[in-house]
Amino acid sequence: MEDSNTDIIIFAKTSISAGLIIGDILANDPAVKAIATDVFPVVTDEATLPYVSFRALKMENLPAKAHNGSETLMTEVCCFSDTYAGSVHLAECVRAALDGRQATMDGITMRSCFFEDREETWEDDAYIQRLTFRIKI
């Protein structure tokens, strides 16, 4: 049997990898780390409150004549806590970590990240703050 790993083609990272940057920023932010038990991409069934999850919502590609141009993403970050005040406090820490931020990681550059909107809800014994960020890659 042949080793299939020799046939792997490595592509340059695109905005599809933006979640890696968001996750890294949140998981390493001192204020978020001091409160959240963990930071998860998309969703998890094994979380302990309070925690943060994030996911991509939509993407817009703005092509240019000579190259791919920039891409704008909408990303949702959810802050879960057992108290309303705890969810708000965690959301404030997440906003401070991401709003106005630029970052580069593994060949992909987040040119900007700005807070766009929020929504709050209650689900499965947790208060949830849903924050939306507009990200340019």
Protein backbone atom coordinates (compact mmCIF):
# COMPACT_ATOMS: atom_id res chain seq x y z
CA MET A 1 0.00 0.00 0.00
CA GLU A 2 1.34 3.41 -0.97
CA ASP A 3 1.76 6.26 1.49
CA SER A 4 -0.99 8.73 0.57
CA ASN A 5 0.75 11.56 2.43
CA THR A 6 3.17 12.00 -0.47
CA ASP A 7 0.30 13.21 -2.65
CA ILE A 8 -0.81 16.06 -0.36
CA ILE A 9 -0.85 19.44 -2.07
CA ILE A 10 -0.41 22.44 0.19
CA PHE A 11 -2.27 25.59 -0.78
CA ALA A 12 -1.80 29.14 0.45
CA LYS A 13 -4.21 29.94 3.25
CA THR A 14 -7.23 32.10 2.48
CA SER A 15 -10.04 33.70 4.45
CA ILE A 16 -11.35 30.18 5.09
CA SER A 17 -8.58 29.98 7.71
CA ALA A 18 -9.63 33.20 9.47
CA GLY A 19 -11.18 31.24 12.32
CA LEU A 20 -7.71 30.03 13.23
CA ILE A 21 -6.66 33.63 13.88
CA ILE A 22 -9.81 34.44 15.87
CA GLY A 23 -9.43 31.31 17.98
CA ASP A 24 -5.76 32.02 18.65
CA ILE A 25 -6.42 35.63 19.69
CA LEU A 26 -9.23 34.66 22.06
CA ALA A 27 -7.48 31.62 23.54
CA ASN A 28 -4.39 33.71 24.32
CA ASP A 29 -6.03 36.93 25.51
CA PRO A 30 -5.31 37.35 29.26
CA ALA A 31 -8.75 38.76 30.13
CA VAL A 32 -10.64 36.06 28.19
CA LYS A 33 -8.38 33.32 29.62
CA ALA A 34 -9.03 34.58 33.14
CA ILE A 35 -12.78 33.98 32.75
CA ALA A 36 -13.48 31.36 30.06
CA THR A 37 -12.78 27.69 30.66
CA ASP A 38 -12.07 27.27 26.94
CA VAL A 39 -12.53 28.69 23.43
CA PHE A 40 -14.17 26.42 20.84
CA PRO A 41 -14.61 26.67 17.07
CA VAL A 42 -18.25 26.28 16.03
CA VAL A 43 -19.70 24.23 18.94
CA THR A 44 -18.93 21.60 21.55
CA ASP A 45 -20.91 19.20 23.71
CA GLU A 46 -18.31 19.05 26.47
CA ALA A 47 -18.00 22.64 27.67
CA THR A 48 -17.98 23.91 31.22
CA LEU A 49 -19.44 27.38 31.77
CA PRO A 50 -18.25 30.04 31.14
CA TYR A 51 -16.82 29.50 27.67
CA VAL A 52 -16.56 31.07 24.21
CA SER A 53 -17.37 29.65 20.78
CA PHE A 54 -16.94 31.23 17.36
CA ARG A 55 -18.05 30.51 13.81
CA ALA A 56 -18.07 32.03 10.34
CA LEU A 57 -21.39 33.47 9.21
CA LYS A 58 -20.79 34.69 5.67
CA MET A 59 -18.09 35.87 3.30
CA GLU A 60 -17.85 38.45 0.53
CA ASN A 61 -15.03 38.32 -2.02
CA LEU A 62 -13.98 41.62 -3.61
CA PRO A 63 -11.82 40.58 -6.58
CA ALA A 64 -9.33 42.98 -8.15
CA LYS A 65 -8.03 42.92 -11.74
CA ALA A 66 -4.57 41.55 -11.08
CA HIS A 67 -5.16 39.44 -7.96
CA ASN A 68 -7.77 37.98 -5.65
CA GLY A 69 -8.33 41.23 -3.75
CA SER A 70 -9.68 41.31 -0.24
CA GLU A 71 -12.34 39.26 1.43
CA THR A 72 -14.75 40.40 4.13
CA LEU A 73 -16.11 37.91 6.63
CA MET A 74 -18.81 38.11 9.23
CA THR A 75 -17.89 36.06 12.29
CA GLU A 76 -20.03 35.31 15.32
CA VAL A 77 -18.49 34.93 18.76
CA CYS A 78 -20.77 33.54 21.50
CA CYS A 79 -20.07 34.06 25.19
CA PHE A 80 -21.76 31.52 27.47
CA SER A 81 -22.16 31.90 31.24
CA ASP A 82 -24.39 30.71 34.06
CA THR A 83 -25.23 34.33 34.98
CA TYR A 84 -26.32 37.25 32.86
CA ALA A 85 -23.65 39.51 34.37
CA GLY A 86 -21.03 36.87 33.67
CA SER A 87 -22.03 36.63 30.01
CA VAL A 88 -21.89 40.41 29.64
CA HIS A 89 -18.48 40.61 31.33
CA LEU A 90 -17.07 37.86 29.11
CA ALA A 91 -18.54 39.58 26.02
CA GLU A 92 -16.83 42.84 27.02
CA CYS A 93 -13.50 40.98 27.28
CA VAL A 94 -14.01 39.34 23.87
CA ARG A 95 -14.87 42.68 22.29
CA ALA A 96 -11.76 44.28 23.80
CA ALA A 97 -9.62 41.41 22.47
CA LEU A 98 -10.93 41.59 18.89
CA ASP A 99 -12.29 45.07 18.14
CA GLY A 100 -9.87 47.06 15.97
CA ARG A 101 -7.38 44.17 15.93
CA GLN A 102 -4.96 43.21 13.17
CA ALA A 103 -3.00 39.96 13.14
CA THR A 104 -0.95 37.64 10.95
CA MET A 105 -0.72 33.90 11.44
CA ASP A 106 0.69 31.16 9.21
CA GLY A 107 0.68 33.29 6.07
CA ILE A 108 -2.79 34.81 6.45
CA THR A 109 -3.31 38.44 7.49
CA MET A 110 -6.37 39.80 9.22
CA ARG A 111 -6.23 43.43 8.08
CA SER A 112 -9.03 44.54 10.38
CA CYS A 113 -11.63 43.23 12.79
CA PHE A 114 -14.48 45.46 13.94
CA PHE A 115 -17.43 44.89 16.23
CA GLU A 116 -20.62 45.05 14.20
CA ASP A 117 -23.62 43.88 16.25
CA ARG A 118 -24.80 41.87 19.25
CA GLU A 119 -27.72 39.81 20.42
CA GLU A 120 -28.42 38.12 23.73
CA THR A 121 -30.39 35.00 24.52
CA TRP A 122 -30.86 32.12 26.95
CA GLU A 123 -30.43 28.48 25.96
CA ASP A 124 -29.72 25.20 27.75
CA ASP A 125 -29.21 26.82 31.18
CA ALA A 126 -26.81 29.46 29.87
CA TYR A 127 -26.96 33.17 29.16
CA ILE A 128 -25.47 33.86 25.74
CA GLN A 129 -24.08 37.05 24.28
CA ARG A 130 -23.72 36.76 20.48
CA LEU A 131 -21.24 39.26 19.08
CA THR A 132 -20.78 39.80 15.34
CA PHE A 133 -17.48 41.04 13.91
CA ARG A 134 -16.63 42.22 10.38
CA ILE A 135 -13.20 40.92 9.38
CA LYS A 136 -11.08 41.86 6.36
CA ILE A 137 -8.54 39.36 5.09
